[in-house]
Amino acid sequence: MANVLPPDDPGPQSLGQQIQNAFPLTKVVKALNTVDCEVMVNPQLVPVSHTIFLSGNDAGAKQTVRDLLESFGWSDIIDLGDIASARATESYLPLWLALWRTFGTAAFNIKVARQG
């Protein structure tokens, strides 16, 4: 069976960016990879406001994903920019795994606190 886990270091491009490059006519939007699958579709499992991110090149596709996120109950959505910014959220995995081990549950997320 092939290794289904991403490499530790996918290189200078995000996996989302690599998919976009391989399929240039496809509207790739990266989101939801910073939370567990149950929190993805039910952000209320974490009882305080918390943040989700999205990245992509196409404004219309990002709006469609934003609408989907809002339908799940997400309200703190940060658009990080084009698909290259997905590299940042992909790099979050080691911290997420450490938090999961520490808490003993995947029902958590982070909140970006910002001025204004």
PDB file of N, CA and C in Angstrom:
ATOM      1  N   MET A   1       0.844  -1.177   0.000  1.00  0.00           N
ATOM      2  CA  MET A   1       0.000   0.000   0.000  1.00  0.00           C
ATOM      3  C   MET A   1       0.887   1.237   0.000  1.00  0.00           C
ATOM      4  N   ALA A   2       0.542   2.204  -0.801  1.00  0.00           N
ATOM      5  CA  ALA A   2       1.320   3.442  -0.886  1.00  0.00           C
ATOM      6  C   ALA A   2       1.163   4.250   0.387  1.00  0.00           C
ATOM      7  N   ASN A   3       2.173   5.021   0.698  1.00  0.00           N
ATOM      8  CA  ASN A   3       2.126   5.919   1.848  1.00  0.00           C
ATOM      9  C   ASN A   3       1.095   7.016   1.563  1.00  0.00           C
ATOM     10  N   VAL A   4       0.071   7.122   2.409  1.00  0.00           N
ATOM     11  CA  VAL A   4      -0.981   8.113   2.198  1.00  0.00           C
ATOM     12  C   VAL A   4      -0.735   9.395   2.983  1.00  0.00           C
ATOM     13  N   LEU A   5       0.314   9.416   3.764  1.00  0.00           N
ATOM     14  CA  LEU A   5       0.644  10.627   4.508  1.00  0.00           C
ATOM     15  C   LEU A   5       1.500  11.545   3.651  1.00  0.00           C
ATOM     16  N   PRO A   6       1.307  12.880   3.804  1.00  0.00           N
ATOM     17  CA  PRO A   6       2.149  13.800   3.042  1.00  0.00           C
ATOM     18  C   PRO A   6       3.586  13.718   3.540  1.00  0.00           C
ATOM     19  N   PRO A   7       4.531  14.086   2.706  1.00  0.00           N
ATOM     20  CA  PRO A   7       5.924  14.091   3.163  1.00  0.00           C
ATOM     21  C   PRO A   7       6.102  15.109   4.278  1.00  0.00           C
ATOM     22  N   ASP A   8       7.123  14.897   5.120  1.00  0.00           N
ATOM     23  CA  ASP A   8       7.379  15.846   6.200  1.00  0.00           C
ATOM     24  C   ASP A   8       7.598  17.251   5.669  1.00  0.00           C
ATOM     25  N   ASP A   9       8.238  17.368   4.543  1.00  0.00           N
ATOM     26  CA  ASP A   9       8.478  18.670   3.933  1.00  0.00           C
ATOM     27  C   ASP A   9       8.132  18.588   2.450  1.00  0.00           C
ATOM     28  N   PRO A  10       6.970  19.121   2.069  1.00  0.00           N
ATOM     29  CA  PRO A  10       6.577  19.024   0.664  1.00  0.00           C
ATOM     30  C   PRO A  10       7.365  19.946  -0.252  1.00  0.00           C
ATOM     31  N   GLY A  11       8.337  20.654   0.294  1.00  0.00           N
ATOM     32  CA  GLY A  11       9.144  21.554  -0.520  1.00  0.00           C
ATOM     33  C   GLY A  11       8.649  22.980  -0.428  1.00  0.00           C
ATOM     34  N   PRO A  12       9.087  23.804  -1.348  1.00  0.00           N
ATOM     35  CA  PRO A  12       8.752  25.225  -1.259  1.00  0.00           C
ATOM     36  C   PRO A  12       7.294  25.541  -1.592  1.00  0.00           C
ATOM     37  N   GLN A  13       6.577  24.591  -2.190  1.00  0.00           N
ATOM     38  CA  GLN A  13       5.178  24.820  -2.533  1.00  0.00           C
ATOM     39  C   GLN A  13       4.267  24.017  -1.624  1.00  0.00           C
ATOM     40  N   SER A  14       3.108  24.588  -1.326  1.00  0.00           N
ATOM     41  CA  SER A  14       2.115  23.847  -0.565  1.00  0.00           C
ATOM     42  C   SER A  14       1.589  22.705  -1.424  1.00  0.00           C
ATOM     43  N   LEU A  15       0.999  21.707  -0.771  1.00  0.00           N
ATOM     44  CA  LEU A  15       0.373  20.635  -1.531  1.00  0.00           C
ATOM     45  C   LEU A  15      -0.785  21.187  -2.358  1.00  0.00           C
ATOM     46  N   GLY A  16      -1.504  22.160  -1.801  1.00  0.00           N
ATOM     47  CA  GLY A  16      -2.564  22.812  -2.559  1.00  0.00           C
ATOM     48  C   GLY A  16      -2.031  23.499  -3.802  1.00  0.00           C
ATOM     49  N   GLN A  17      -0.893  24.131  -3.679  1.00  0.00           N
ATOM     50  CA  GLN A  17      -0.252  24.804  -4.814  1.00  0.00           C
ATOM     51  C   GLN A  17       0.214  23.780  -5.848  1.00  0.00           C
ATOM     52  N   GLN A  18       0.716  22.650  -5.389  1.00  0.00           N
ATOM     53  CA  GLN A  18       1.134  21.611  -6.319  1.00  0.00           C
ATOM     54  C   GLN A  18      -0.066  21.073  -7.103  1.00  0.00           C
ATOM     55  N   ILE A  19      -1.207  20.919  -6.423  1.00  0.00           N
ATOM     56  CA  ILE A  19      -2.421  20.475  -7.112  1.00  0.00           C
ATOM     57  C   ILE A  19      -2.858  21.538  -8.118  1.00  0.00           C
ATOM     58  N   GLN A  20      -2.824  22.806  -7.713  1.00  0.00           N
ATOM     59  CA  GLN A  20      -3.200  23.895  -8.616  1.00  0.00           C
ATOM     60  C   GLN A  20      -2.306  23.909  -9.849  1.00  0.00           C
ATOM     61  N   ASN A  21      -1.013  23.700  -9.656  1.00  0.00           N
ATOM     62  CA  ASN A  21      -0.077  23.691 -10.784  1.00  0.00           C
ATOM     63  C   ASN A  21      -0.320  22.497 -11.709  1.00  0.00           C
ATOM     64  N   ALA A  22      -0.664  21.361 -11.127  1.00  0.00           N
ATOM     65  CA  ALA A  22      -0.902  20.160 -11.930  1.00  0.00           C
ATOM     66  C   ALA A  22      -2.208  20.247 -12.721  1.00  0.00           C
ATOM     67  N   PHE A  23      -3.166  20.992 -12.180  1.00  0.00           N
ATOM     68  CA  PHE A  23      -4.485  21.139 -12.806  1.00  0.00           C
ATOM     69  C   PHE A  23      -4.830  22.621 -12.881  1.00  0.00           C
ATOM     70  N   PRO A  24      -4.190  23.360 -13.779  1.00  0.00           N
ATOM     71  CA  PRO A  24      -4.304  24.824 -13.785  1.00  0.00           C
ATOM     72  C   PRO A  24      -5.714  25.364 -14.015  1.00  0.00           C
ATOM     73  N   LEU A  25      -6.599  24.600 -14.617  1.00  0.00           N
ATOM     74  CA  LEU A  25      -7.959  25.086 -14.842  1.00  0.00           C
ATOM     75  C   LEU A  25      -8.891  24.809 -13.653  1.00  0.00           C
ATOM     76  N   THR A  26      -8.395  24.053 -12.685  1.00  0.00           N
ATOM     77  CA  THR A  26      -9.178  23.720 -11.499  1.00  0.00           C
ATOM     78  C   THR A  26      -9.089  24.862 -10.492  1.00  0.00           C
ATOM     79  N   LYS A  27     -10.190  25.126  -9.828  1.00  0.00           N
ATOM     80  CA  LYS A  27     -10.241  26.189  -8.810  1.00  0.00           C
ATOM     81  C   LYS A  27      -9.991  25.556  -7.450  1.00  0.00           C
ATOM     82  N   VAL A  28      -8.741  25.540  -7.038  1.00  0.00           N
ATOM     83  CA  VAL A  28      -8.331  24.894  -5.793  1.00  0.00           C
ATOM     84  C   VAL A  28      -8.472  25.876  -4.631  1.00  0.00           C
ATOM     85  N   VAL A  29      -9.149  25.445  -3.590  1.00  0.00           N
ATOM     86  CA  VAL A  29      -9.248  26.215  -2.354  1.00  0.00           C
ATOM     87  C   VAL A  29      -8.863  25.282  -1.215  1.00  0.00           C
ATOM     88  N   LYS A  30      -7.942  25.732  -0.391  1.00  0.00           N
ATOM     89  CA  LYS A  30      -7.494  24.931   0.752  1.00  0.00           C
ATOM     90  C   LYS A  30      -8.140  25.499   2.011  1.00  0.00           C
ATOM     91  N   ALA A  31      -8.803  24.634   2.757  1.00  0.00           N
ATOM     92  CA  ALA A  31      -9.430  25.019   4.016  1.00  0.00           C
ATOM     93  C   ALA A  31      -9.607  23.763   4.867  1.00  0.00           C
ATOM     94  N   LEU A  32      -9.880  23.961   6.119  1.00  0.00           N
ATOM     95  CA  LEU A  32     -10.262  22.884   7.040  1.00  0.00           C
ATOM     96  C   LEU A  32      -9.160  21.905   7.396  1.00  0.00           C
ATOM     97  N   ASN A  33      -7.914  22.173   7.005  1.00  0.00           N
ATOM     98  CA  ASN A  33      -6.870  21.211   7.341  1.00  0.00           C
ATOM     99  C   ASN A  33      -6.180  21.527   8.663  1.00  0.00           C
ATOM    100  N   THR A  34      -6.733  22.461   9.444  1.00  0.00           N
ATOM    101  CA  THR A  34      -6.137  22.777  10.739  1.00  0.00           C
ATOM    102  C   THR A  34      -6.986  22.287  11.901  1.00  0.00           C
ATOM    103  N   VAL A  35      -8.045  21.517  11.581  1.00  0.00           N
ATOM    104  CA  VAL A  35      -8.925  20.990  12.625  1.00  0.00           C
ATOM    105  C   VAL A  35      -9.283  19.534  12.320  1.00  0.00           C
ATOM    106  N   ASP A  36      -9.751  18.846  13.333  1.00  0.00           N
ATOM    107  CA  ASP A  36     -10.221  17.471  13.219  1.00  0.00           C
ATOM    108  C   ASP A  36     -11.495  17.416  12.378  1.00  0.00           C
ATOM    109  N   CYS A  37     -11.769  16.275  11.783  1.00  0.00           N
ATOM    110  CA  CYS A  37     -12.934  16.127  10.896  1.00  0.00           C
ATOM    111  C   CYS A  37     -14.255  16.434  11.600  1.00  0.00           C
ATOM    112  N   GLU A  38     -14.387  16.106  12.870  1.00  0.00           N
ATOM    113  CA  GLU A  38     -15.634  16.405  13.572  1.00  0.00           C
ATOM    114  C   GLU A  38     -15.787  17.901  13.820  1.00  0.00           C
ATOM    115  N   VAL A  39     -14.694  18.580  14.133  1.00  0.00           N
ATOM    116  CA  VAL A  39     -14.736  20.028  14.343  1.00  0.00           C
ATOM    117  C   VAL A  39     -14.960  20.743  13.008  1.00  0.00           C
ATOM    118  N   MET A  40     -14.442  20.177  11.920  1.00  0.00           N
ATOM    119  CA  MET A  40     -14.635  20.780  10.595  1.00  0.00           C
ATOM    120  C   MET A  40     -16.095  21.104  10.332  1.00  0.00           C
ATOM    121  N   VAL A  41     -16.945  20.110  10.541  1.00  0.00           N
ATOM    122  CA  VAL A  41     -18.354  20.249  10.175  1.00  0.00           C
ATOM    123  C   VAL A  41     -19.229  20.658  11.352  1.00  0.00           C
ATOM    124  N   ASN A  42     -18.649  20.750  12.533  1.00  0.00           N
ATOM    125  CA  ASN A  42     -19.385  21.168  13.720  1.00  0.00           C
ATOM    126  C   ASN A  42     -18.462  21.978  14.631  1.00  0.00           C
ATOM    127  N   PRO A  43     -18.158  23.225  14.243  1.00  0.00           N
ATOM    128  CA  PRO A  43     -17.232  24.024  15.044  1.00  0.00           C
ATOM    129  C   PRO A  43     -17.731  24.292  16.460  1.00  0.00           C
ATOM    130  N   GLN A  44     -19.021  24.075  16.715  1.00  0.00           N
ATOM    131  CA  GLN A  44     -19.570  24.283  18.052  1.00  0.00           C
ATOM    132  C   GLN A  44     -19.049  23.247  19.054  1.00  0.00           C
ATOM    133  N   LEU A  45     -18.379  22.197  18.586  1.00  0.00           N
ATOM    134  CA  LEU A  45     -17.756  21.244  19.509  1.00  0.00           C
ATOM    135  C   LEU A  45     -16.708  21.917  20.381  1.00  0.00           C
ATOM    136  N   VAL A  46     -16.144  23.000  19.893  1.00  0.00           N
ATOM    137  CA  VAL A  46     -15.227  23.830  20.680  1.00  0.00           C
ATOM    138  C   VAL A  46     -16.068  25.015  21.145  1.00  0.00           C
ATOM    139  N   PRO A  47     -16.344  25.132  22.442  1.00  0.00           N
ATOM    140  CA  PRO A  47     -17.385  26.039  22.916  1.00  0.00           C
ATOM    141  C   PRO A  47     -17.043  27.532  22.936  1.00  0.00           C
ATOM    142  N   VAL A  48     -15.911  27.898  22.401  1.00  0.00           N
ATOM    143  CA  VAL A  48     -15.564  29.322  22.311  1.00  0.00           C
ATOM    144  C   VAL A  48     -15.250  29.650  20.857  1.00  0.00           C
ATOM    145  N   SER A  49     -15.256  30.933  20.516  1.00  0.00           N
ATOM    146  CA  SER A  49     -14.938  31.350  19.150  1.00  0.00           C
ATOM    147  C   SER A  49     -13.525  30.902  18.784  1.00  0.00           C
ATOM    148  N   HIS A  50     -13.367  30.373  17.572  1.00  0.00           N
ATOM    149  CA  HIS A  50     -12.059  29.944  17.105  1.00  0.00           C
ATOM    150  C   HIS A  50     -11.982  30.138  15.599  1.00  0.00           C
ATOM    151  N   THR A  51     -10.782  30.022  15.047  1.00  0.00           N
ATOM    152  CA  THR A  51     -10.476  30.492  13.699  1.00  0.00           C
ATOM    153  C   THR A  51     -10.281  29.350  12.720  1.00  0.00           C
ATOM    154  N   ILE A  52     -10.775  29.572  11.487  1.00  0.00           N
ATOM    155  CA  ILE A  52     -10.501  28.676  10.369  1.00  0.00           C
ATOM    156  C   ILE A  52      -9.914  29.509   9.234  1.00  0.00           C
ATOM    157  N   PHE A  53      -9.107  28.892   8.391  1.00  0.00           N
ATOM    158  CA  PHE A  53      -8.392  29.600   7.333  1.00  0.00           C
ATOM    159  C   PHE A  53      -8.793  29.070   5.961  1.00  0.00           C
ATOM    160  N   LEU A  54      -8.637  29.918   4.956  1.00  0.00           N
ATOM    161  CA  LEU A  54      -8.787  29.461   3.581  1.00  0.00           C
ATOM    162  C   LEU A  54      -7.773  30.162   2.697  1.00  0.00           C
ATOM    163  N   SER A  55      -7.387  29.470   1.628  1.00  0.00           N
ATOM    164  CA  SER A  55      -6.416  29.971   0.655  1.00  0.00           C
ATOM    165  C   SER A  55      -6.848  29.531  -0.732  1.00  0.00           C
ATOM    166  N   GLY A  56      -6.644  30.377  -1.718  1.00  0.00           N
ATOM    167  CA  GLY A  56      -6.969  30.005  -3.089  1.00  0.00           C
ATOM    168  C   GLY A  56      -6.792  31.172  -4.036  1.00  0.00           C
ATOM    169  N   ASN A  57      -6.725  30.869  -5.320  1.00  0.00           N
ATOM    170  CA  ASN A  57      -6.489  31.901  -6.327  1.00  0.00           C
ATOM    171  C   ASN A  57      -7.768  32.511  -6.890  1.00  0.00           C
ATOM    172  N   ASP A  58      -8.875  31.799  -6.824  1.00  0.00           N
ATOM    173  CA  ASP A  58     -10.103  32.250  -7.460  1.00  0.00           C
ATOM    174  C   ASP A  58     -11.079  32.813  -6.417  1.00  0.00           C
ATOM    175  N   ALA A  59     -11.441  34.090  -6.564  1.00  0.00           N
ATOM    176  CA  ALA A  59     -12.318  34.754  -5.590  1.00  0.00           C
ATOM    177  C   ALA A  59     -13.683  34.084  -5.509  1.00  0.00           C
ATOM    178  N   GLY A  60     -14.242  33.688  -6.639  1.00  0.00           N
ATOM    179  CA  GLY A  60     -15.542  33.025  -6.635  1.00  0.00           C
ATOM    180  C   GLY A  60     -15.510  31.690  -5.926  1.00  0.00           C
ATOM    181  N   ALA A  61     -14.473  30.916  -6.168  1.00  0.00           N
ATOM    182  CA  ALA A  61     -14.335  29.616  -5.504  1.00  0.00           C
ATOM    183  C   ALA A  61     -14.149  29.804  -4.003  1.00  0.00           C
ATOM    184  N   LYS A  62     -13.371  30.815  -3.626  1.00  0.00           N
ATOM    185  CA  LYS A  62     -13.188  31.076  -2.195  1.00  0.00           C
ATOM    186  C   LYS A  62     -14.507  31.501  -1.548  1.00  0.00           C
ATOM    187  N   GLN A  63     -15.328  32.261  -2.261  1.00  0.00           N
ATOM    188  CA  GLN A  63     -16.626  32.659  -1.703  1.00  0.00           C
ATOM    189  C   GLN A  63     -17.522  31.434  -1.517  1.00  0.00           C
ATOM    190  N   THR A  64     -17.473  30.511  -2.464  1.00  0.00           N
ATOM    191  CA  THR A  64     -18.250  29.277  -2.329  1.00  0.00           C
ATOM    192  C   THR A  64     -17.814  28.504  -1.089  1.00  0.00           C
ATOM    193  N   VAL A  65     -16.503  28.405  -0.870  1.00  0.00           N
ATOM    194  CA  VAL A  65     -15.990  27.705   0.307  1.00  0.00           C
ATOM    195  C   VAL A  65     -16.365  28.472   1.570  1.00  0.00           C
ATOM    196  N   ARG A  66     -16.260  29.793   1.544  1.00  0.00           N
ATOM    197  CA  ARG A  66     -16.661  30.604   2.705  1.00  0.00           C
ATOM    198  C   ARG A  66     -18.137  30.342   3.045  1.00  0.00           C
ATOM    199  N   ASP A  67     -18.996  30.312   2.030  1.00  0.00           N
ATOM    200  CA  ASP A  67     -20.418  30.034   2.253  1.00  0.00           C
ATOM    201  C   ASP A  67     -20.600  28.659   2.896  1.00  0.00           C
ATOM    202  N   LEU A  68     -19.853  27.659   2.420  1.00  0.00           N
ATOM    203  CA  LEU A  68     -19.916  26.318   2.997  1.00  0.00           C
ATOM    204  C   LEU A  68     -19.469  26.344   4.458  1.00  0.00           C
ATOM    205  N   LEU A  69     -18.363  27.024   4.729  1.00  0.00           N
ATOM    206  CA  LEU A  69     -17.872  27.130   6.103  1.00  0.00           C
ATOM    207  C   LEU A  69     -18.922  27.772   7.006  1.00  0.00           C
ATOM    208  N   GLU A  70     -19.527  28.843   6.531  1.00  0.00           N
ATOM    209  CA  GLU A  70     -20.561  29.517   7.320  1.00  0.00           C
ATOM    210  C   GLU A  70     -21.761  28.600   7.547  1.00  0.00           C
ATOM    211  N   SER A  71     -22.100  27.770   6.553  1.00  0.00           N
ATOM    212  CA  SER A  71     -23.225  26.844   6.731  1.00  0.00           C
ATOM    213  C   SER A  71     -22.922  25.809   7.813  1.00  0.00           C
ATOM    214  N   PHE A  72     -21.650  25.501   8.034  1.00  0.00           N
ATOM    215  CA  PHE A  72     -21.253  24.593   9.112  1.00  0.00           C
ATOM    216  C   PHE A  72     -21.292  25.293  10.477  1.00  0.00           C
ATOM    217  N   GLY A  73     -21.267  26.634  10.464  1.00  0.00           N
ATOM    218  CA  GLY A  73     -21.275  27.390  11.713  1.00  0.00           C
ATOM    219  C   GLY A  73     -20.015  28.188  11.980  1.00  0.00           C
ATOM    220  N   TRP A  74     -19.076  28.184  11.036  1.00  0.00           N
ATOM    221  CA  TRP A  74     -17.855  28.971  11.213  1.00  0.00           C
ATOM    222  C   TRP A  74     -18.172  30.454  11.058  1.00  0.00           C
ATOM    223  N   SER A  75     -17.628  31.284  11.947  1.00  0.00           N
ATOM    224  CA  SER A  75     -17.813  32.724  11.829  1.00  0.00           C
ATOM    225  C   SER A  75     -16.483  33.472  11.762  1.00  0.00           C
ATOM    226  N   ASP A  76     -15.443  32.929  12.370  1.00  0.00           N
ATOM    227  CA  ASP A  76     -14.119  33.561  12.326  1.00  0.00           C
ATOM    228  C   ASP A  76     -13.310  32.883  11.221  1.00  0.00           C
ATOM    229  N   ILE A  77     -13.432  33.422  10.004  1.00  0.00           N
ATOM    230  CA  ILE A  77     -12.792  32.856   8.820  1.00  0.00           C
ATOM    231  C   ILE A  77     -11.765  33.860   8.319  1.00  0.00           C
ATOM    232  N   ILE A  78     -10.517  33.426   8.214  1.00  0.00           N
ATOM    233  CA  ILE A  78      -9.453  34.307   7.725  1.00  0.00           C
ATOM    234  C   ILE A  78      -9.004  33.825   6.357  1.00  0.00           C
ATOM    235  N   ASP A  79      -9.124  34.716   5.378  1.00  0.00           N
ATOM    236  CA  ASP A  79      -8.634  34.456   4.021  1.00  0.00           C
ATOM    237  C   ASP A  79      -7.160  34.836   4.006  1.00  0.00           C
ATOM    238  N   LEU A  80      -6.303  33.834   3.862  1.00  0.00           N
ATOM    239  CA  LEU A  80      -4.853  34.068   3.889  1.00  0.00           C
ATOM    240  C   LEU A  80      -4.289  34.533   2.553  1.00  0.00           C
ATOM    241  N   GLY A  81      -5.090  34.481   1.499  1.00  0.00           N
ATOM    242  CA  GLY A  81      -4.609  34.935   0.194  1.00  0.00           C
ATOM    243  C   GLY A  81      -4.594  33.813  -0.820  1.00  0.00           C
ATOM    244  N   ASP A  82      -3.639  33.880  -1.728  1.00  0.00           N
ATOM    245  CA  ASP A  82      -3.599  32.914  -2.829  1.00  0.00           C
ATOM    246  C   ASP A  82      -3.200  31.526  -2.345  1.00  0.00           C
ATOM    247  N   ILE A  83      -3.221  30.568  -3.246  1.00  0.00           N
ATOM    248  CA  ILE A  83      -2.999  29.174  -2.884  1.00  0.00           C
ATOM    249  C   ILE A  83      -1.616  28.930  -2.282  1.00  0.00           C
ATOM    250  N   ALA A  84      -0.642  29.774  -2.586  1.00  0.00           N
ATOM    251  CA  ALA A  84       0.692  29.616  -1.992  1.00  0.00           C
ATOM    252  C   ALA A  84       0.639  29.747  -0.473  1.00  0.00           C
ATOM    253  N   SER A  85      -0.340  30.496   0.055  1.00  0.00           N
ATOM    254  CA  SER A  85      -0.444  30.677   1.508  1.00  0.00           C
ATOM    255  C   SER A  85      -0.894  29.404   2.218  1.00  0.00           C
ATOM    256  N   ALA A  86      -1.368  28.419   1.470  1.00  0.00           N
ATOM    257  CA  ALA A  86      -1.760  27.140   2.077  1.00  0.00           C
ATOM    258  C   ALA A  86      -0.563  26.448   2.726  1.00  0.00           C
ATOM    259  N   ARG A  87       0.627  26.779   2.301  1.00  0.00           N
ATOM    260  CA  ARG A  87       1.846  26.197   2.896  1.00  0.00           C
ATOM    261  C   ARG A  87       1.888  26.462   4.389  1.00  0.00           C
ATOM    262  N   ALA A  88       1.402  27.635   4.794  1.00  0.00           N
ATOM    263  CA  ALA A  88       1.418  27.995   6.219  1.00  0.00           C
ATOM    264  C   ALA A  88       0.505  27.086   7.029  1.00  0.00           C
ATOM    265  N   THR A  89      -0.716  26.843   6.544  1.00  0.00           N
ATOM    266  CA  THR A  89      -1.629  25.986   7.305  1.00  0.00           C
ATOM    267  C   THR A  89      -1.171  24.529   7.282  1.00  0.00           C
ATOM    268  N   GLU A  90      -0.546  24.105   6.195  1.00  0.00           N
ATOM    269  CA  GLU A  90      -0.021  22.745   6.134  1.00  0.00           C
ATOM    270  C   GLU A  90       1.103  22.543   7.149  1.00  0.00           C
ATOM    271  N   SER A  91       1.819  23.597   7.439  1.00  0.00           N
ATOM    272  CA  SER A  91       2.938  23.517   8.384  1.00  0.00           C
ATOM    273  C   SER A  91       2.474  23.464   9.837  1.00  0.00           C
ATOM    274  N   TYR A  92       1.208  23.638  10.069  1.00  0.00           N
ATOM    275  CA  TYR A  92       0.639  23.629  11.415  1.00  0.00           C
ATOM    276  C   TYR A  92       0.529  22.215  12.007  1.00  0.00           C
ATOM    277  N   LEU A  93       0.606  21.194  11.178  1.00  0.00           N
ATOM    278  CA  LEU A  93       0.384  19.820  11.637  1.00  0.00           C
ATOM    279  C   LEU A  93       1.233  19.413  12.849  1.00  0.00           C
ATOM    280  N   PRO A  94       2.532  19.681  12.906  1.00  0.00           N
ATOM    281  CA  PRO A  94       3.295  19.248  14.091  1.00  0.00           C
ATOM    282  C   PRO A  94       2.767  19.852  15.394  1.00  0.00           C
ATOM    283  N   LEU A  95       2.367  21.125  15.368  1.00  0.00           N
ATOM    284  CA  LEU A  95       1.801  21.741  16.571  1.00  0.00           C
ATOM    285  C   LEU A  95       0.445  21.112  16.894  1.00  0.00           C
ATOM    286  N   TRP A  96      -0.382  20.883  15.874  1.00  0.00           N
ATOM    287  CA  TRP A  96      -1.689  20.271  16.089  1.00  0.00           C
ATOM    288  C   TRP A  96      -1.532  18.901  16.743  1.00  0.00           C
ATOM    289  N   LEU A  97      -0.598  18.095  16.263  1.00  0.00           N
ATOM    290  CA  LEU A  97      -0.370  16.768  16.839  1.00  0.00           C
ATOM    291  C   LEU A  97       0.095  16.850  18.290  1.00  0.00           C
ATOM    292  N   ALA A  98       0.966  17.814  18.590  1.00  0.00           N
ATOM    293  CA  ALA A  98       1.424  17.988  19.972  1.00  0.00           C
ATOM    294  C   ALA A  98       0.265  18.387  20.882  1.00  0.00           C
ATOM    295  N   LEU A  99      -0.615  19.257  20.401  1.00  0.00           N
ATOM    296  CA  LEU A  99      -1.780  19.660  21.190  1.00  0.00           C
ATOM    297  C   LEU A  99      -2.727  18.481  21.396  1.00  0.00           C
ATOM    298  N   TRP A 100      -2.930  17.685  20.373  1.00  0.00           N
ATOM    299  CA  TRP A 100      -3.794  16.512  20.469  1.00  0.00           C
ATOM    300  C   TRP A 100      -3.269  15.554  21.537  1.00  0.00           C
ATOM    301  N   ARG A 101      -1.957  15.315  21.503  1.00  0.00           N
ATOM    302  CA  ARG A 101      -1.363  14.434  22.526  1.00  0.00           C
ATOM    303  C   ARG A 101      -1.530  15.043  23.922  1.00  0.00           C
ATOM    304  N   THR A 102      -1.342  16.333  24.043  1.00  0.00           N
ATOM    305  CA  THR A 102      -1.444  17.008  25.336  1.00  0.00           C
ATOM    306  C   THR A 102      -2.863  16.971  25.885  1.00  0.00           C
ATOM    307  N   PHE A 103      -3.855  17.276  25.029  1.00  0.00           N
ATOM    308  CA  PHE A 103      -5.244  17.348  25.472  1.00  0.00           C
ATOM    309  C   PHE A 103      -5.926  15.988  25.530  1.00  0.00           C
ATOM    310  N   GLY A 104      -5.445  15.018  24.760  1.00  0.00           N
ATOM    311  CA  GLY A 104      -6.083  13.711  24.703  1.00  0.00           C
ATOM    312  C   GLY A 104      -7.391  13.716  23.933  1.00  0.00           C
ATOM    313  N   THR A 105      -7.625  14.757  23.160  1.00  0.00           N
ATOM    314  CA  THR A 105      -8.824  14.875  22.338  1.00  0.00           C
ATOM    315  C   THR A 105      -8.487  15.739  21.118  1.00  0.00           C
ATOM    316  N   ALA A 106      -9.260  15.553  20.062  1.00  0.00           N
ATOM    317  CA  ALA A 106      -9.079  16.380  18.866  1.00  0.00           C
ATOM    318  C   ALA A 106     -10.110  17.507  18.808  1.00  0.00           C
ATOM    319  N   ALA A 107     -10.929  17.638  19.854  1.00  0.00           N
ATOM    320  CA  ALA A 107     -11.962  18.676  19.895  1.00  0.00           C
ATOM    321  C   ALA A 107     -11.367  19.975  20.432  1.00  0.00           C
ATOM    322  N   PHE A 108     -10.493  20.572  19.640  1.00  0.00           N
ATOM    323  CA  PHE A 108      -9.869  21.846  20.000  1.00  0.00           C
ATOM    324  C   PHE A 108      -9.534  22.593  18.720  1.00  0.00           C
ATOM    325  N   ASN A 109      -9.204  23.845  18.866  1.00  0.00           N
ATOM    326  CA  ASN A 109      -8.727  24.668  17.761  1.00  0.00           C
ATOM    327  C   ASN A 109      -8.030  25.884  18.345  1.00  0.00           C
ATOM    328  N   ILE A 110      -7.510  26.719  17.463  1.00  0.00           N
ATOM    329  CA  ILE A 110      -6.846  27.940  17.899  1.00  0.00           C
ATOM    330  C   ILE A 110      -7.707  29.146  17.532  1.00  0.00           C
ATOM    331  N   LYS A 111      -7.442  30.240  18.204  1.00  0.00           N
ATOM    332  CA  LYS A 111      -8.105  31.508  17.928  1.00  0.00           C
ATOM    333  C   LYS A 111      -7.006  32.519  17.608  1.00  0.00           C
ATOM    334  N   VAL A 112      -7.156  33.202  16.497  1.00  0.00           N
ATOM    335  CA  VAL A 112      -6.243  34.296  16.169  1.00  0.00           C
ATOM    336  C   VAL A 112      -6.820  35.559  16.791  1.00  0.00           C
ATOM    337  N   ALA A 113      -6.109  36.094  17.764  1.00  0.00           N
ATOM    338  CA  ALA A 113      -6.538  37.339  18.416  1.00  0.00           C
ATOM    339  C   ALA A 113      -5.872  38.498  17.689  1.00  0.00           C
ATOM    340  N   ARG A 114      -6.680  39.458  17.293  1.00  0.00           N
ATOM    341  CA  ARG A 114      -6.149  40.570  16.527  1.00  0.00           C
ATOM    342  C   ARG A 114      -6.832  41.856  16.931  1.00  0.00           C
ATOM    343  N   GLN A 115      -6.144  42.938  16.694  1.00  0.00           N
ATOM    344  CA  GLN A 115      -6.677  44.253  17.000  1.00  0.00           C
ATOM    345  C   GLN A 115      -7.726  44.632  15.965  1.00  0.00           C
ATOM    346  N   GLY A 116      -8.805  45.235  16.405  1.00  0.00           N
ATOM    347  CA  GLY A 116      -9.818  45.745  15.488  1.00  0.00           C
ATOM    348  C   GLY A 116     -10.701  44.706  15.063  1.00  0.00           C
TER     349      GLY A 116
END
